[in-house]
Amino acid sequence: MTEDKILLAARYVEGDMDEAEKADFEMRMQNDVELQQHLKDYRHIHQSLKIQLAPDQQDLAFKKTLRHTGPAYFETPKVVTFKTSLKWLSGVAAVLIVGLLVWAPWRSNLYQTYHSDAKMLVTERGAEKATDLDRAATFFNDKKYKEAQDLLAKLTLQQPGNAMVSYYYGLTLIETNTLSEGRSTLTQVYNGESAFKYDAAYAMAMSYLKEDKKDECKAWLKKIPIGTTHYQKAATLLDKL
């Protein structure tokens, strides 16, 4: 869930993970674009918020004066150390940021809302053993896009005219942020006359939405005709853009 990923990002930035958790998070993040975005957002807002909350030079000067004044003016002087202040500020920042990212009023995250959560359904009944295509489908459906990409790259070379293989290979490239190569592959599918023609067009639109390139995204959405699988989502997204 989105909230779980935000909390993971928060714990990673705040140093609240042991070495095993940290290694697992970093490995998972390699293939999880949403987690990468949450980490980027958290770090950005965390830094901005700490700057806003941190005491300015006048505050620090006043605090220094209090330390040197001592009991001559105060019966029980109590000065909070800067280290303690930073720790407190970090905790406040973490709580506020997690709340902001879960609510996220400034960012509708259209890519996560409208991107196609496609599934590869390729297993043939009666097959004696799993093929590379079967294994690629399993990886793809488990969102292990890099592993799926490696198998599909090989299959694309072996079967250059297979639109299904090329389409899903293009999707893995988009998911792993290899956008230029992904668009090249998907454009070839779109230029053909397979059943994946308009699926490829929608995937192209999503690749541009991922970079917030709205004009290019809209251009590809307009290529999707009425009656095709993604038409309704494309029409709704066009209105939002």
Protein backbone atom coordinates (compact mmCIF):
# COMPACT_ATOMS: atom_id res chain seq x y z
CA MET A 1 0.00 0.00 0.00
CA THR A 2 1.09 3.59 -0.56
CA GLU A 3 1.09 4.36 3.18
CA ASP A 4 3.37 1.37 3.87
CA LYS A 5 5.85 2.52 1.24
CA ILE A 6 5.88 6.07 2.63
CA LEU A 7 6.59 4.73 6.12
CA LEU A 8 9.40 2.58 4.75
CA ALA A 9 10.90 5.63 3.05
CA ALA A 10 10.59 7.61 6.29
CA ARG A 11 12.31 4.90 8.34
CA TYR A 12 15.11 4.67 5.76
CA VAL A 13 15.79 8.43 5.78
CA GLU A 14 15.55 8.66 9.57
CA GLY A 15 18.04 5.78 10.04
CA ASP A 16 15.44 3.63 11.77
CA MET A 17 16.39 0.40 9.98
CA ASP A 18 18.90 -2.28 10.91
CA GLU A 19 21.43 -3.38 8.28
CA ALA A 20 19.27 -6.25 6.97
CA GLU A 21 16.19 -4.04 6.58
CA LYS A 22 18.26 -1.32 4.92
CA ALA A 23 19.74 -3.77 2.40
CA ASP A 24 16.30 -5.20 1.66
CA PHE A 25 14.86 -1.71 1.16
CA GLU A 26 17.65 -0.69 -1.21
CA MET A 27 17.24 -3.85 -3.29
CA ARG A 28 13.47 -3.46 -3.43
CA MET A 29 13.79 0.19 -4.43
CA GLN A 30 15.78 -0.71 -7.57
CA ASN A 31 12.66 -2.07 -9.26
CA ASP A 32 9.93 -0.12 -7.46
CA VAL A 33 9.38 3.24 -9.15
CA GLU A 34 6.68 4.27 -6.66
CA LEU A 35 9.04 3.64 -3.74
CA GLN A 36 11.76 5.66 -5.47
CA GLN A 37 9.34 8.58 -5.83
CA HIS A 38 8.25 8.42 -2.17
CA LEU A 39 11.89 8.41 -1.06
CA LYS A 40 12.64 11.42 -3.28
CA ASP A 41 9.57 13.30 -1.99
CA TYR A 42 10.34 12.47 1.64
CA ARG A 43 13.92 13.65 1.41
CA HIS A 44 12.89 16.88 -0.33
CA ILE A 45 10.17 17.83 2.16
CA HIS A 46 12.23 16.59 5.11
CA GLN A 47 15.07 18.96 4.28
CA SER A 48 12.74 21.88 3.59
CA LEU A 49 10.79 21.34 6.80
CA LYS A 50 13.89 21.03 8.96
CA ILE A 51 15.16 24.32 7.57
CA GLN A 52 11.85 25.97 8.45
CA LEU A 53 11.72 24.44 11.93
CA ALA A 54 15.41 24.84 12.81
CA PRO A 55 16.31 27.81 15.04
CA ASP A 56 17.73 30.83 13.23
CA GLN A 57 20.90 32.71 14.21
CA GLN A 58 19.08 34.97 16.67
CA ASP A 59 17.63 31.94 18.45
CA LEU A 60 21.09 30.39 18.72
CA ALA A 61 22.63 33.62 19.98
CA PHE A 62 19.93 33.91 22.65
CA LYS A 63 20.50 30.30 23.67
CA LYS A 64 24.25 30.96 23.98
CA THR A 65 23.51 33.98 26.20
CA LEU A 66 21.34 31.84 28.47
CA ARG A 67 24.10 29.25 28.85
CA HIS A 68 26.61 31.91 29.95
CA THR A 69 24.18 33.75 32.24
CA GLY A 70 23.87 30.81 34.61
CA PRO A 71 22.21 30.75 38.04
CA ALA A 72 22.93 34.43 38.75
CA TYR A 73 19.72 35.27 36.90
CA PHE A 74 17.82 31.98 36.92
CA GLU A 75 17.15 29.81 39.91
CA THR A 76 17.02 26.59 37.88
CA PRO A 77 18.42 27.28 34.44
CA LYS A 78 17.36 24.78 31.83
CA VAL A 79 18.94 25.01 28.39
CA VAL A 80 18.03 22.51 25.69
CA THR A 81 21.09 21.42 23.73
CA PHE A 82 21.21 21.98 19.98
CA LYS A 83 21.66 18.21 19.46
CA THR A 84 18.46 17.53 21.39
CA SER A 85 16.67 20.23 19.41
CA LEU A 86 17.70 18.66 16.13
CA LYS A 87 16.55 15.24 17.30
CA TRP A 88 13.19 16.73 18.28
CA LEU A 89 12.95 18.60 14.99
CA SER A 90 13.72 15.43 13.07
CA GLY A 91 10.91 13.62 14.86
CA VAL A 92 8.45 16.44 14.18
CA ALA A 93 9.52 16.55 10.54
CA ALA A 94 9.05 12.79 10.16
CA VAL A 95 5.50 12.86 11.54
CA LEU A 96 4.46 15.87 9.49
CA ILE A 97 6.02 14.57 6.27
CA VAL A 98 4.42 11.14 6.48
CA GLY A 99 1.05 12.84 6.99
CA LEU A 100 1.66 15.17 4.06
CA LEU A 101 2.75 12.38 1.72
CA VAL A 102 -0.22 10.17 2.58
CA TRP A 103 -2.58 13.09 1.98
CA ALA A 104 -0.47 14.57 -0.86
CA PRO A 105 -2.86 17.41 -1.77
CA TRP A 106 -0.30 19.05 -4.11
CA ARG A 107 0.40 15.98 -6.21
CA SER A 108 -2.44 13.93 -7.68
CA ASN A 109 0.06 11.28 -8.82
CA LEU A 110 -1.76 10.73 -12.08
CA TYR A 111 0.76 8.16 -13.26
CA GLN A 112 0.01 5.83 -10.35
CA THR A 113 -3.72 6.38 -10.83
CA TYR A 114 -3.91 5.85 -14.59
CA HIS A 115 -1.03 3.59 -15.56
CA SER A 116 -2.11 0.17 -16.78
CA ASP A 117 -1.56 -2.63 -14.29
CA ALA A 118 -1.28 -5.18 -17.09
CA LYS A 119 -0.91 -8.91 -16.45
CA MET A 120 0.85 -11.39 -18.68
CA LEU A 121 -1.31 -14.47 -19.26
CA VAL A 122 0.75 -16.78 -21.41
CA THR A 123 0.91 -20.24 -19.84
CA GLU A 124 -0.36 -22.90 -22.18
CA ARG A 125 -2.37 -25.77 -20.76
CA GLY A 126 -0.59 -29.07 -20.84
CA ALA A 127 2.87 -27.56 -21.11
CA GLU A 128 5.40 -29.99 -19.67
CA LYS A 129 7.70 -27.35 -18.21
CA ALA A 130 7.89 -23.61 -17.80
CA THR A 131 9.31 -21.71 -20.76
CA ASP A 132 11.22 -18.44 -20.72
CA LEU A 133 7.96 -16.72 -21.59
CA ASP A 134 6.24 -18.37 -18.62
CA ARG A 135 9.04 -17.29 -16.31
CA ALA A 136 8.95 -13.76 -17.74
CA ALA A 137 5.21 -13.62 -17.08
CA THR A 138 5.68 -14.74 -13.48
CA PHE A 139 8.30 -12.05 -12.88
CA PHE A 140 6.20 -9.41 -14.64
CA ASN A 141 3.04 -10.21 -12.68
CA ASP A 142 5.04 -10.10 -9.44
CA LYS A 143 6.29 -6.63 -10.48
CA LYS A 144 9.88 -7.89 -10.71
CA TYR A 145 10.36 -5.91 -13.88
CA LYS A 146 14.13 -6.15 -14.18
CA GLU A 147 14.06 -9.96 -14.07
CA ALA A 148 11.20 -10.02 -16.60
CA GLN A 149 13.04 -7.54 -18.78
CA ASP A 150 16.12 -9.75 -19.06
CA LEU A 151 14.06 -12.71 -20.29
CA LEU A 152 11.90 -10.63 -22.62
CA ALA A 153 14.96 -8.98 -24.16
CA LYS A 154 16.21 -12.40 -25.17
CA LEU A 155 12.79 -13.42 -26.49
CA THR A 156 12.51 -10.19 -28.49
CA LEU A 157 15.72 -11.03 -30.31
CA GLN A 158 14.51 -14.57 -30.96
CA GLN A 159 11.01 -13.49 -32.06
CA PRO A 160 11.28 -9.95 -33.49
CA GLY A 161 7.79 -10.16 -35.01
CA ASN A 162 6.03 -11.21 -31.81
CA ALA A 163 3.98 -8.15 -30.83
CA MET A 164 3.00 -9.54 -27.44
CA VAL A 165 6.61 -10.12 -26.42
CA SER A 166 7.64 -6.69 -27.69
CA TYR A 167 4.74 -5.00 -25.90
CA TYR A 168 5.55 -6.48 -22.51
CA TYR A 169 9.25 -5.90 -23.05
CA GLY A 170 8.44 -2.24 -23.70
CA LEU A 171 6.42 -2.09 -20.47
CA THR A 172 9.32 -3.46 -18.43
CA LEU A 173 11.61 -0.85 -19.94
CA ILE A 174 9.18 1.91 -18.96
CA GLU A 175 8.81 0.52 -15.44
CA THR A 176 12.59 0.44 -14.96
CA ASN A 177 12.95 3.98 -16.34
CA THR A 178 14.71 2.94 -19.54
CA LEU A 179 12.32 5.30 -21.25
CA SER A 180 13.98 5.97 -24.60
CA GLU A 181 14.41 2.29 -25.45
CA GLY A 182 10.96 1.51 -24.09
CA ARG A 183 9.34 4.12 -26.32
CA SER A 184 11.24 2.85 -29.35
CA THR A 185 9.95 -0.69 -28.71
CA LEU A 186 6.37 0.42 -28.05
CA THR A 187 6.32 2.66 -31.13
CA GLN A 188 7.16 -0.35 -33.28
CA VAL A 189 4.24 -2.23 -31.75
CA TYR A 190 1.93 0.72 -32.33
CA ASN A 191 3.02 0.98 -35.97
CA GLY A 192 2.03 -2.63 -36.53
CA GLU A 193 -1.48 -4.06 -36.77
CA SER A 194 -1.52 -6.44 -33.81
CA ALA A 195 -4.04 -6.66 -30.98
CA PHE A 196 -1.54 -4.70 -28.86
CA LYS A 197 -1.51 -1.60 -31.09
CA TYR A 198 -3.57 0.65 -28.81
CA ASP A 199 -2.23 -0.92 -25.63
CA ALA A 200 1.14 0.31 -26.87
CA ALA A 201 -0.28 3.78 -27.52
CA TYR A 202 -1.59 3.97 -23.96
CA ALA A 203 1.75 2.77 -22.59
CA MET A 204 3.49 5.49 -24.61
CA ALA A 205 1.18 8.09 -23.07
CA MET A 206 1.99 6.77 -19.60
CA SER A 207 5.73 6.96 -20.28
CA TYR A 208 5.39 10.69 -20.92
CA LEU A 209 3.04 11.20 -17.98
CA LYS A 210 5.71 9.62 -15.79
CA GLU A 211 7.99 12.54 -16.70
CA ASP A 212 5.14 15.07 -16.44
CA LYS A 213 5.41 15.78 -20.18
CA LYS A 214 1.76 16.55 -20.60
CA ASP A 215 1.72 17.62 -24.25
CA GLU A 216 3.34 14.39 -25.42
CA CYS A 217 1.09 12.39 -23.12
CA LYS A 218 -2.04 14.01 -24.55
CA ALA A 219 -0.85 13.45 -28.12
CA TRP A 220 -0.65 9.70 -27.52
CA LEU A 221 -3.92 9.54 -25.59
CA LYS A 222 -5.67 11.06 -28.61
CA LYS A 223 -4.50 8.15 -30.76
CA ILE A 224 -6.69 5.73 -28.79
CA PRO A 225 -10.06 5.25 -30.55
CA ILE A 226 -13.51 4.70 -29.08
CA GLY A 227 -14.28 1.08 -28.33
CA THR A 228 -10.75 0.01 -27.45
CA THR A 229 -9.65 -1.20 -24.02
CA HIS A 230 -8.07 2.00 -22.75
CA TYR A 231 -10.37 4.54 -24.37
CA GLN A 232 -12.38 5.46 -21.27
CA LYS A 233 -9.32 5.94 -19.08
CA ALA A 234 -7.63 7.90 -21.87
CA ALA A 235 -10.65 10.20 -22.24
CA THR A 236 -10.87 10.80 -18.49
CA LEU A 237 -7.16 11.51 -18.22
CA LEU A 238 -7.32 13.92 -21.15
CA ASP A 239 -9.96 15.92 -19.27
CA LYS A 240 -7.74 16.07 -16.18
CA LEU A 241 -4.71 17.16 -18.20
